[in-house]
Amino acid sequence: MNWRSKHIWIEFIAGSRKINNFSWALILFLGSLGFLLVGISSYLGRNLISFFPFQQIIFFPQGLVMSFYGIAGLFISSYLWCTISWNVGSGYDQFDRKEGVVCIFRWGFPGKNRRILLRFLMKDIRSIRIEDKEGISARRVLYMEIRGQGAIPLTRTDENLTPQEIEQKAAELAYFLRVPIS
């Protein structure tokens, strides 16, 4: 969702709360829980999972390894659920032609640097750049070249925009900011 007027352009950025992340976190949680239950079943000598007979898995080494994988998977799943709940990566880009200021805001991980805020003058923007990498893992990223600060990405690497969409977005932004596309 974006908002534009004659002098202000605000573009909202989606964070970690995406269907893909929810799916992976749930699959990883259920799979690692299954591994852990099989490992505990082999240790206790009882069926904790009814459709899997514990006699087929000897605790040392198979049950121990499955327990380790289950615990490791639960930690990774916890990390994914935390990034989803904190909505890491979400924020907005605000371009204000009237004030001559660009504001880029993102939410990060909890701590003293949770709020990531970049502010700079529009006159310091050198150009808008498109990075287009083709191949097996094709990606298209839109960058803003800032004098003295390098390139700042404006789109996510996993957005999967078509070449026409990224070019259209770059052209509109470059026209709004009155800078060239490089």
N, C-alpha and C. Protein backbone atom coordinates (compact mmCIF):
# COMPACT_ATOMS: atom_id res chain seq x y z
N MET A 1 0.84 -1.17 0.00
CA MET A 1 0.00 0.00 0.00
C MET A 1 0.89 1.24 0.00
N ASN A 2 0.59 2.17 -0.89
CA ASN A 2 1.36 3.40 -1.00
C ASN A 2 0.43 4.59 -0.88
N TRP A 3 1.01 5.72 -0.56
CA TRP A 3 0.26 6.97 -0.50
C TRP A 3 1.08 8.03 -1.18
N ARG A 4 0.44 8.76 -2.11
CA ARG A 4 1.15 9.81 -2.85
C ARG A 4 0.30 11.05 -2.93
N SER A 5 0.98 12.17 -2.86
CA SER A 5 0.37 13.46 -3.15
C SER A 5 1.34 14.22 -4.06
N LYS A 6 1.10 15.48 -4.21
CA LYS A 6 1.95 16.28 -5.09
C LYS A 6 3.37 16.40 -4.55
N HIS A 7 3.52 16.48 -3.23
CA HIS A 7 4.84 16.73 -2.63
C HIS A 7 5.36 15.58 -1.77
N ILE A 8 4.51 14.63 -1.41
CA ILE A 8 4.94 13.56 -0.49
C ILE A 8 4.59 12.19 -1.10
N TRP A 9 5.54 11.28 -0.98
CA TRP A 9 5.34 9.90 -1.42
C TRP A 9 5.73 9.01 -0.25
N ILE A 10 4.77 8.21 0.24
CA ILE A 10 5.04 7.28 1.34
C ILE A 10 4.78 5.88 0.81
N GLU A 11 5.78 5.02 0.95
CA GLU A 11 5.65 3.63 0.52
C GLU A 11 5.85 2.73 1.73
N PHE A 12 4.84 1.93 2.03
CA PHE A 12 4.90 1.04 3.18
C PHE A 12 5.57 -0.27 2.77
N ILE A 13 6.42 -0.79 3.65
CA ILE A 13 7.20 -1.99 3.38
C ILE A 13 6.70 -3.12 4.27
N ALA A 14 6.39 -4.26 3.67
CA ALA A 14 5.96 -5.44 4.43
C ALA A 14 7.18 -6.06 5.10
N GLY A 15 6.99 -6.58 6.28
CA GLY A 15 8.08 -7.19 7.02
C GLY A 15 8.02 -8.70 6.98
N SER A 16 8.25 -9.32 8.11
CA SER A 16 8.34 -10.78 8.21
C SER A 16 6.98 -11.47 8.23
N ARG A 17 5.92 -10.74 8.39
CA ARG A 17 4.59 -11.36 8.48
C ARG A 17 4.05 -11.66 7.09
N LYS A 18 4.58 -12.75 6.54
CA LYS A 18 4.15 -13.20 5.22
C LYS A 18 3.73 -14.66 5.33
N ILE A 19 2.87 -15.09 4.43
CA ILE A 19 2.37 -16.46 4.43
C ILE A 19 3.52 -17.46 4.34
N ASN A 20 4.51 -17.15 3.54
CA ASN A 20 5.66 -18.03 3.38
C ASN A 20 6.37 -18.27 4.71
N ASN A 21 6.59 -17.21 5.49
CA ASN A 21 7.27 -17.34 6.78
C ASN A 21 6.40 -18.11 7.78
N PHE A 22 5.10 -17.84 7.79
CA PHE A 22 4.20 -18.59 8.67
C PHE A 22 4.25 -20.08 8.33
N SER A 23 4.22 -20.40 7.04
CA SER A 23 4.23 -21.80 6.61
C SER A 23 5.51 -22.50 7.06
N TRP A 24 6.66 -21.88 6.81
CA TRP A 24 7.93 -22.51 7.18
C TRP A 24 8.06 -22.66 8.69
N ALA A 25 7.62 -21.66 9.43
CA ALA A 25 7.71 -21.75 10.89
C ALA A 25 6.85 -22.89 11.42
N LEU A 26 5.65 -23.05 10.88
CA LEU A 26 4.75 -24.12 11.31
C LEU A 26 5.29 -25.50 10.91
N ILE A 27 5.75 -25.64 9.67
CA ILE A 27 6.31 -26.92 9.21
C ILE A 27 7.52 -27.30 10.04
N LEU A 28 8.40 -26.34 10.28
CA LEU A 28 9.60 -26.61 11.07
C LEU A 28 9.26 -26.98 12.51
N PHE A 29 8.28 -26.29 13.08
CA PHE A 29 7.86 -26.61 14.46
C PHE A 29 7.31 -28.03 14.56
N LEU A 30 6.39 -28.37 13.66
CA LEU A 30 5.78 -29.70 13.72
C LEU A 30 6.79 -30.81 13.42
N GLY A 31 7.66 -30.59 12.45
CA GLY A 31 8.67 -31.59 12.13
C GLY A 31 9.65 -31.81 13.26
N SER A 32 10.13 -30.73 13.85
CA SER A 32 11.10 -30.86 14.94
C SER A 32 10.45 -31.44 16.19
N LEU A 33 9.17 -31.13 16.41
CA LEU A 33 8.46 -31.73 17.53
C LEU A 33 8.33 -33.24 17.33
N GLY A 34 8.09 -33.66 16.10
CA GLY A 34 8.03 -35.09 15.79
C GLY A 34 9.36 -35.77 16.03
N PHE A 35 10.45 -35.15 15.60
CA PHE A 35 11.78 -35.72 15.84
C PHE A 35 12.05 -35.85 17.34
N LEU A 36 11.72 -34.82 18.09
CA LEU A 36 11.96 -34.84 19.53
C LEU A 36 11.13 -35.93 20.21
N LEU A 37 9.87 -36.08 19.82
CA LEU A 37 9.02 -37.11 20.41
C LEU A 37 9.51 -38.52 20.08
N VAL A 38 10.03 -38.73 18.88
CA VAL A 38 10.58 -40.04 18.53
C VAL A 38 11.82 -40.32 19.36
N GLY A 39 12.68 -39.32 19.53
CA GLY A 39 13.87 -39.50 20.36
C GLY A 39 13.53 -39.79 21.80
N ILE A 40 12.54 -39.09 22.36
CA ILE A 40 12.13 -39.33 23.75
C ILE A 40 11.46 -40.70 23.87
N SER A 41 10.68 -41.09 22.85
CA SER A 41 10.04 -42.42 22.86
C SER A 41 11.08 -43.52 22.92
N SER A 42 12.14 -43.38 22.14
CA SER A 42 13.18 -44.42 22.14
C SER A 42 13.92 -44.45 23.48
N TYR A 43 14.05 -43.31 24.15
CA TYR A 43 14.73 -43.27 25.45
C TYR A 43 13.86 -43.90 26.54
N LEU A 44 12.57 -43.56 26.55
CA LEU A 44 11.66 -44.06 27.58
C LEU A 44 11.21 -45.50 27.33
N GLY A 45 11.29 -45.94 26.08
CA GLY A 45 10.82 -47.29 25.76
C GLY A 45 9.31 -47.38 25.69
N ARG A 46 8.63 -46.26 25.40
CA ARG A 46 7.16 -46.21 25.28
C ARG A 46 6.80 -45.45 24.02
N ASN A 47 5.63 -45.75 23.50
CA ASN A 47 5.16 -45.04 22.31
C ASN A 47 4.52 -43.71 22.71
N LEU A 48 5.15 -42.61 22.35
CA LEU A 48 4.53 -41.29 22.51
C LEU A 48 3.81 -40.89 21.22
N ILE A 49 4.21 -41.53 20.12
CA ILE A 49 3.54 -41.34 18.84
C ILE A 49 2.97 -42.70 18.46
N SER A 50 1.66 -42.77 18.38
CA SER A 50 0.99 -44.08 18.25
C SER A 50 1.31 -44.79 16.94
N PHE A 51 1.51 -44.07 15.84
CA PHE A 51 1.72 -44.73 14.56
C PHE A 51 3.17 -45.10 14.30
N PHE A 52 4.06 -44.85 15.25
CA PHE A 52 5.47 -45.15 15.07
C PHE A 52 5.96 -46.02 16.22
N PRO A 53 6.26 -47.31 15.97
CA PRO A 53 6.72 -48.19 17.06
C PRO A 53 8.13 -47.80 17.53
N PHE A 54 8.28 -47.62 18.83
CA PHE A 54 9.56 -47.17 19.39
C PHE A 54 10.65 -48.22 19.28
N GLN A 55 10.28 -49.50 19.10
CA GLN A 55 11.28 -50.56 19.05
C GLN A 55 12.19 -50.46 17.83
N GLN A 56 11.76 -49.74 16.80
CA GLN A 56 12.57 -49.62 15.59
C GLN A 56 13.72 -48.63 15.76
N ILE A 57 13.68 -47.79 16.74
CA ILE A 57 14.72 -46.79 16.97
C ILE A 57 15.42 -47.10 18.29
N ILE A 58 16.71 -47.37 18.21
CA ILE A 58 17.53 -47.57 19.41
C ILE A 58 17.97 -46.18 19.87
N PHE A 59 17.94 -45.95 21.19
CA PHE A 59 18.24 -44.60 21.67
C PHE A 59 19.65 -44.15 21.31
N PHE A 60 20.62 -45.03 21.50
CA PHE A 60 21.98 -44.63 21.16
C PHE A 60 22.40 -45.35 19.90
N PRO A 61 22.65 -44.73 18.81
CA PRO A 61 22.83 -43.33 18.51
C PRO A 61 21.61 -42.67 17.85
N GLN A 62 20.67 -43.46 17.26
CA GLN A 62 19.60 -42.87 16.45
C GLN A 62 18.67 -41.98 17.27
N GLY A 63 18.20 -42.43 18.41
CA GLY A 63 17.28 -41.65 19.23
C GLY A 63 17.92 -40.37 19.74
N LEU A 64 19.20 -40.46 20.09
CA LEU A 64 19.93 -39.29 20.56
C LEU A 64 20.06 -38.25 19.46
N VAL A 65 20.40 -38.70 18.25
CA VAL A 65 20.53 -37.78 17.11
C VAL A 65 19.17 -37.16 16.77
N MET A 66 18.12 -37.96 16.80
CA MET A 66 16.78 -37.42 16.50
C MET A 66 16.36 -36.39 17.55
N SER A 67 16.70 -36.65 18.80
CA SER A 67 16.40 -35.67 19.85
C SER A 67 17.16 -34.37 19.62
N PHE A 68 18.43 -34.49 19.23
CA PHE A 68 19.23 -33.30 18.94
C PHE A 68 18.62 -32.50 17.80
N TYR A 69 18.25 -33.20 16.70
CA TYR A 69 17.62 -32.50 15.57
C TYR A 69 16.30 -31.86 15.99
N GLY A 70 15.55 -32.52 16.83
CA GLY A 70 14.29 -31.96 17.30
C GLY A 70 14.49 -30.69 18.11
N ILE A 71 15.48 -30.71 19.01
CA ILE A 71 15.76 -29.52 19.83
C ILE A 71 16.29 -28.38 18.95
N ALA A 72 17.19 -28.70 18.02
CA ALA A 72 17.72 -27.68 17.11
C ALA A 72 16.61 -27.07 16.27
N GLY A 73 15.71 -27.91 15.77
CA GLY A 73 14.59 -27.42 14.98
C GLY A 73 13.65 -26.54 15.78
N LEU A 74 13.44 -26.87 17.05
CA LEU A 74 12.59 -26.02 17.89
C LEU A 74 13.22 -24.65 18.12
N PHE A 75 14.55 -24.61 18.26
CA PHE A 75 15.21 -23.31 18.39
C PHE A 75 15.07 -22.48 17.12
N ILE A 76 15.26 -23.09 15.97
CA ILE A 76 15.13 -22.36 14.71
C ILE A 76 13.68 -21.91 14.51
N SER A 77 12.74 -22.78 14.85
CA SER A 77 11.33 -22.42 14.75
C SER A 77 11.00 -21.26 15.69
N SER A 78 11.56 -21.26 16.89
CA SER A 78 11.34 -20.15 17.83
C SER A 78 11.86 -18.84 17.25
N TYR A 79 13.01 -18.91 16.61
CA TYR A 79 13.58 -17.72 15.97
C TYR A 79 12.63 -17.19 14.90
N LEU A 80 12.10 -18.07 14.05
CA LEU A 80 11.17 -17.64 13.01
C LEU A 80 9.90 -17.04 13.60
N TRP A 81 9.35 -17.67 14.65
CA TRP A 81 8.14 -17.12 15.28
C TRP A 81 8.41 -15.76 15.91
N CYS A 82 9.61 -15.56 16.46
CA CYS A 82 9.96 -14.26 17.04
C CYS A 82 10.07 -13.19 15.96
N THR A 83 10.72 -13.50 14.84
CA THR A 83 10.83 -12.49 13.77
C THR A 83 9.45 -12.15 13.20
N ILE A 84 8.56 -13.15 13.16
CA ILE A 84 7.20 -12.88 12.69
C ILE A 84 6.46 -11.99 13.69
N SER A 85 6.56 -12.29 14.98
CA SER A 85 5.83 -11.51 15.97
C SER A 85 6.38 -10.08 16.08
N TRP A 86 7.69 -9.91 15.91
CA TRP A 86 8.29 -8.56 15.95
C TRP A 86 8.15 -7.83 14.62
N ASN A 87 7.75 -8.55 13.58
CA ASN A 87 7.59 -8.00 12.22
C ASN A 87 8.87 -7.30 11.75
N VAL A 88 9.97 -8.00 11.87
CA VAL A 88 11.28 -7.47 11.51
C VAL A 88 11.29 -7.14 10.01
N GLY A 89 11.80 -5.98 9.68
CA GLY A 89 11.93 -5.56 8.29
C GLY A 89 10.80 -4.67 7.80
N SER A 90 9.74 -4.54 8.58
CA SER A 90 8.63 -3.69 8.13
C SER A 90 8.98 -2.23 8.39
N GLY A 91 8.28 -1.36 7.71
CA GLY A 91 8.52 0.07 7.88
C GLY A 91 7.95 0.86 6.73
N TYR A 92 8.61 1.96 6.42
CA TYR A 92 8.14 2.81 5.32
C TYR A 92 9.30 3.63 4.76
N ASP A 93 9.10 4.09 3.52
CA ASP A 93 10.00 5.04 2.87
C ASP A 93 9.17 6.30 2.62
N GLN A 94 9.65 7.44 3.09
CA GLN A 94 8.92 8.69 2.91
C GLN A 94 9.80 9.67 2.15
N PHE A 95 9.29 10.15 1.03
CA PHE A 95 9.99 11.13 0.21
C PHE A 95 9.18 12.42 0.24
N ASP A 96 9.74 13.47 0.81
CA ASP A 96 9.04 14.74 0.98
C ASP A 96 9.75 15.80 0.15
N ARG A 97 9.17 16.14 -1.01
CA ARG A 97 9.78 17.14 -1.89
C ARG A 97 9.67 18.54 -1.32
N LYS A 98 8.62 18.80 -0.56
CA LYS A 98 8.41 20.14 -0.01
C LYS A 98 9.50 20.49 1.01
N GLU A 99 9.80 19.53 1.91
CA GLU A 99 10.85 19.73 2.91
C GLU A 99 12.24 19.38 2.38
N GLY A 100 12.29 18.60 1.30
CA GLY A 100 13.57 18.18 0.73
C GLY A 100 14.25 17.10 1.56
N VAL A 101 13.44 16.24 2.22
CA VAL A 101 13.99 15.22 3.11
C VAL A 101 13.46 13.85 2.71
N VAL A 102 14.33 12.85 2.80
CA VAL A 102 13.95 11.45 2.60
C VAL A 102 14.12 10.75 3.94
N CYS A 103 13.11 9.97 4.31
CA CYS A 103 13.11 9.26 5.58
C CYS A 103 12.88 7.78 5.30
N ILE A 104 13.79 6.92 5.73
CA ILE A 104 13.64 5.48 5.57
C ILE A 104 13.60 4.89 6.97
N PHE A 105 12.49 4.21 7.28
CA PHE A 105 12.29 3.63 8.61
C PHE A 105 12.04 2.14 8.50
N ARG A 106 12.70 1.35 9.35
CA ARG A 106 12.48 -0.09 9.43
C ARG A 106 12.50 -0.53 10.89
N TRP A 107 11.72 -1.58 11.18
CA TRP A 107 11.77 -2.22 12.49
C TRP A 107 12.82 -3.31 12.44
N GLY A 108 13.66 -3.38 13.47
CA GLY A 108 14.68 -4.42 13.57
C GLY A 108 14.37 -5.35 14.73
N PHE A 109 15.39 -6.05 15.20
CA PHE A 109 15.24 -6.93 16.35
C PHE A 109 15.22 -6.10 17.63
N PRO A 110 14.57 -6.58 18.70
CA PRO A 110 14.51 -5.83 19.95
C PRO A 110 15.89 -5.49 20.49
N GLY A 111 15.96 -4.36 21.12
CA GLY A 111 17.21 -3.87 21.68
C GLY A 111 17.27 -2.37 21.48
N LYS A 112 18.42 -1.81 21.73
CA LYS A 112 18.53 -0.35 21.62
C LYS A 112 18.48 0.13 20.17
N ASN A 113 18.73 -0.74 19.21
CA ASN A 113 18.69 -0.37 17.80
C ASN A 113 17.48 -0.95 17.08
N ARG A 114 16.37 -1.14 17.79
CA ARG A 114 15.17 -1.72 17.18
C ARG A 114 14.61 -0.82 16.10
N ARG A 115 14.63 0.47 16.35
CA ARG A 115 14.11 1.43 15.37
C ARG A 115 15.25 1.91 14.49
N ILE A 116 15.17 1.59 13.21
CA ILE A 116 16.20 1.99 12.26
C ILE A 116 15.63 3.14 11.44
N LEU A 117 16.22 4.31 11.59
CA LEU A 117 15.73 5.50 10.92
C LEU A 117 16.88 6.18 10.20
N LEU A 118 16.75 6.31 8.89
CA LEU A 118 17.74 7.02 8.08
C LEU A 118 17.08 8.27 7.52
N ARG A 119 17.72 9.41 7.71
CA ARG A 119 17.21 10.68 7.17
C ARG A 119 18.34 11.35 6.43
N PHE A 120 18.02 11.87 5.27
CA PHE A 120 19.01 12.62 4.51
C PHE A 120 18.29 13.56 3.55
N LEU A 121 19.05 14.49 3.02
CA LEU A 121 18.49 15.50 2.14
C LEU A 121 18.34 14.96 0.73
N MET A 122 17.31 15.43 0.04
CA MET A 122 17.08 14.99 -1.33
C MET A 122 18.19 15.44 -2.27
N LYS A 123 18.82 16.55 -1.95
CA LYS A 123 19.88 17.03 -2.83
C LYS A 123 21.11 16.12 -2.80
N ASP A 124 21.18 15.21 -1.80
CA ASP A 124 22.30 14.27 -1.71
C ASP A 124 22.05 12.99 -2.52
N ILE A 125 20.85 12.83 -3.07
CA ILE A 125 20.54 11.64 -3.87
C ILE A 125 21.16 11.82 -5.24
N ARG A 126 22.03 10.87 -5.62
CA ARG A 126 22.69 10.95 -6.92
C ARG A 126 21.86 10.31 -8.02
N SER A 127 21.28 9.14 -7.74
CA SER A 127 20.50 8.45 -8.77
C SER A 127 19.71 7.30 -8.16
N ILE A 128 18.85 6.73 -8.99
CA ILE A 128 18.12 5.51 -8.67
C ILE A 128 18.75 4.42 -9.55
N ARG A 129 19.07 3.27 -8.94
CA ARG A 129 19.75 2.20 -9.67
C ARG A 129 18.96 0.91 -9.55
N ILE A 130 18.92 0.16 -10.64
CA ILE A 130 18.27 -1.15 -10.67
C ILE A 130 19.36 -2.20 -10.77
N GLU A 131 19.31 -3.17 -9.86
CA GLU A 131 20.21 -4.32 -9.95
C GLU A 131 19.38 -5.51 -10.39
N ASP A 132 19.75 -6.08 -11.53
CA ASP A 132 18.98 -7.19 -12.10
C ASP A 132 19.91 -8.37 -12.29
N LYS A 133 19.72 -9.42 -11.48
CA LYS A 133 20.53 -10.63 -11.60
C LYS A 133 19.64 -11.74 -12.11
N GLU A 134 19.99 -12.26 -13.26
CA GLU A 134 19.24 -13.36 -13.87
C GLU A 134 19.89 -14.68 -13.46
N GLY A 135 19.22 -15.76 -13.72
CA GLY A 135 19.77 -17.07 -13.43
C GLY A 135 18.80 -17.89 -12.60
N ILE A 136 19.35 -18.86 -11.87
CA ILE A 136 18.52 -19.76 -11.07
C ILE A 136 17.80 -18.99 -9.98
N SER A 137 18.51 -18.14 -9.27
CA SER A 137 17.87 -17.32 -8.23
C SER A 137 17.86 -15.86 -8.70
N ALA A 138 16.99 -15.58 -9.65
CA ALA A 138 16.90 -14.22 -10.20
C ALA A 138 16.37 -13.27 -9.15
N ARG A 139 16.94 -12.07 -9.12
CA ARG A 139 16.45 -11.06 -8.19
C ARG A 139 16.62 -9.68 -8.82
N ARG A 140 15.69 -8.83 -8.47
CA ARG A 140 15.70 -7.45 -8.96
C ARG A 140 15.52 -6.55 -7.75
N VAL A 141 16.49 -5.65 -7.56
CA VAL A 141 16.47 -4.77 -6.39
C VAL A 141 16.63 -3.34 -6.87
N LEU A 142 15.88 -2.45 -6.23
CA LEU A 142 15.94 -1.03 -6.53
C LEU A 142 16.77 -0.34 -5.45
N TYR A 143 17.80 0.39 -5.86
CA TYR A 143 18.68 1.09 -4.93
C TYR A 143 18.59 2.59 -5.14
N MET A 144 18.88 3.33 -4.06
CA MET A 144 19.00 4.77 -4.13
C MET A 144 20.46 5.11 -3.79
N GLU A 145 21.14 5.73 -4.75
CA GLU A 145 22.54 6.11 -4.56
C GLU A 145 22.59 7.45 -3.82
N ILE A 146 23.25 7.45 -2.66
CA ILE A 146 23.35 8.65 -1.82
C ILE A 146 24.80 9.11 -1.80
N ARG A 147 25.01 10.36 -1.99
CA ARG A 147 26.36 10.94 -1.95
C ARG A 147 26.95 10.76 -0.56
N GLY A 148 28.09 10.07 -0.48
CA GLY A 148 28.78 9.89 0.78
C GLY A 148 28.30 8.70 1.61
N GLN A 149 27.21 8.05 1.22
CA GLN A 149 26.69 6.92 2.00
C GLN A 149 26.54 5.64 1.19
N GLY A 150 26.75 5.69 -0.10
CA GLY A 150 26.62 4.50 -0.93
C GLY A 150 25.19 4.25 -1.37
N ALA A 151 24.88 2.99 -1.61
CA ALA A 151 23.56 2.61 -2.12
C ALA A 151 22.69 2.05 -1.00
N ILE A 152 21.44 2.48 -0.96
CA ILE A 152 20.48 2.01 0.03
C ILE A 152 19.39 1.26 -0.71
N PRO A 153 19.15 -0.03 -0.35
CA PRO A 153 18.09 -0.78 -1.05
C PRO A 153 16.70 -0.28 -0.66
N LEU A 154 15.84 -0.14 -1.66
CA LEU A 154 14.47 0.31 -1.43
C LEU A 154 13.45 -0.82 -1.55
N THR A 155 13.82 -1.91 -2.21
CA THR A 155 12.92 -3.05 -2.32
C THR A 155 13.59 -4.25 -1.68
N ARG A 156 12.79 -5.21 -1.30
CA ARG A 156 13.32 -6.44 -0.69
C ARG A 156 13.86 -7.34 -1.79
N THR A 157 14.83 -8.16 -1.44
CA THR A 157 15.41 -9.07 -2.43
C THR A 157 14.46 -10.21 -2.78
N ASP A 158 13.47 -10.47 -1.95
CA ASP A 158 12.53 -11.56 -2.21
C ASP A 158 11.19 -11.08 -2.77
N GLU A 159 11.14 -9.85 -3.28
CA GLU A 159 9.87 -9.31 -3.77
C GLU A 159 9.44 -9.90 -5.10
N ASN A 160 10.38 -10.40 -5.91
CA ASN A 160 10.10 -11.04 -7.19
C ASN A 160 9.28 -10.15 -8.14
N LEU A 161 9.74 -8.94 -8.35
CA LEU A 161 9.09 -8.06 -9.30
C LEU A 161 9.55 -8.42 -10.71
N THR A 162 8.65 -8.26 -11.67
CA THR A 162 9.01 -8.49 -13.06
C THR A 162 9.89 -7.34 -13.54
N PRO A 163 10.63 -7.52 -14.64
CA PRO A 163 11.46 -6.42 -15.14
C PRO A 163 10.65 -5.16 -15.45
N GLN A 164 9.45 -5.34 -15.97
CA GLN A 164 8.61 -4.18 -16.28
C GLN A 164 8.17 -3.45 -15.01
N GLU A 165 7.82 -4.22 -13.96
CA GLU A 165 7.37 -3.60 -12.71
C GLU A 165 8.50 -2.83 -12.04
N ILE A 166 9.72 -3.41 -12.00
CA ILE A 166 10.83 -2.72 -11.35
C ILE A 166 11.23 -1.48 -12.15
N GLU A 167 11.19 -1.57 -13.48
CA GLU A 167 11.50 -0.41 -14.30
C GLU A 167 10.47 0.70 -14.11
N GLN A 168 9.19 0.31 -14.04
CA GLN A 168 8.12 1.29 -13.83
C GLN A 168 8.29 1.99 -12.48
N LYS A 169 8.58 1.19 -11.45
CA LYS A 169 8.77 1.75 -10.11
C LYS A 169 9.97 2.69 -10.08
N ALA A 170 11.07 2.28 -10.72
CA ALA A 170 12.27 3.12 -10.76
C ALA A 170 12.01 4.42 -11.52
N ALA A 171 11.30 4.33 -12.64
CA ALA A 171 11.00 5.52 -13.43
C ALA A 171 10.12 6.50 -12.66
N GLU A 172 9.09 5.98 -11.98
CA GLU A 172 8.21 6.86 -11.20
C GLU A 172 8.95 7.54 -10.06
N LEU A 173 9.78 6.77 -9.36
CA LEU A 173 10.52 7.34 -8.24
C LEU A 173 11.56 8.35 -8.72
N ALA A 174 12.26 8.03 -9.79
CA ALA A 174 13.26 8.96 -10.33
C ALA A 174 12.60 10.25 -10.80
N TYR A 175 11.43 10.13 -11.42
CA TYR A 175 10.69 11.33 -11.85
C TYR A 175 10.24 12.16 -10.64
N PHE A 176 9.74 11.48 -9.62
CA PHE A 176 9.28 12.19 -8.42
C PHE A 176 10.44 12.90 -7.73
N LEU A 177 11.59 12.23 -7.63
CA LEU A 177 12.76 12.80 -6.94
C LEU A 177 13.57 13.72 -7.84
N ARG A 178 13.29 13.68 -9.14
CA ARG A 178 14.03 14.48 -10.13
C ARG A 178 15.51 14.12 -10.16
N VAL A 179 15.78 12.81 -10.22
CA VAL A 179 17.14 12.30 -10.32
C VAL A 179 17.20 11.31 -11.48
N PRO A 180 18.40 11.04 -12.01
CA PRO A 180 18.50 10.09 -13.13
C PRO A 180 18.45 8.63 -12.66
N ILE A 181 18.21 7.73 -13.61
CA ILE A 181 18.29 6.30 -13.35
C ILE A 181 19.63 5.83 -13.90
N SER A 182 20.40 5.15 -13.08
CA SER A 182 21.71 4.67 -13.56
C SER A 182 21.73 3.17 -13.67
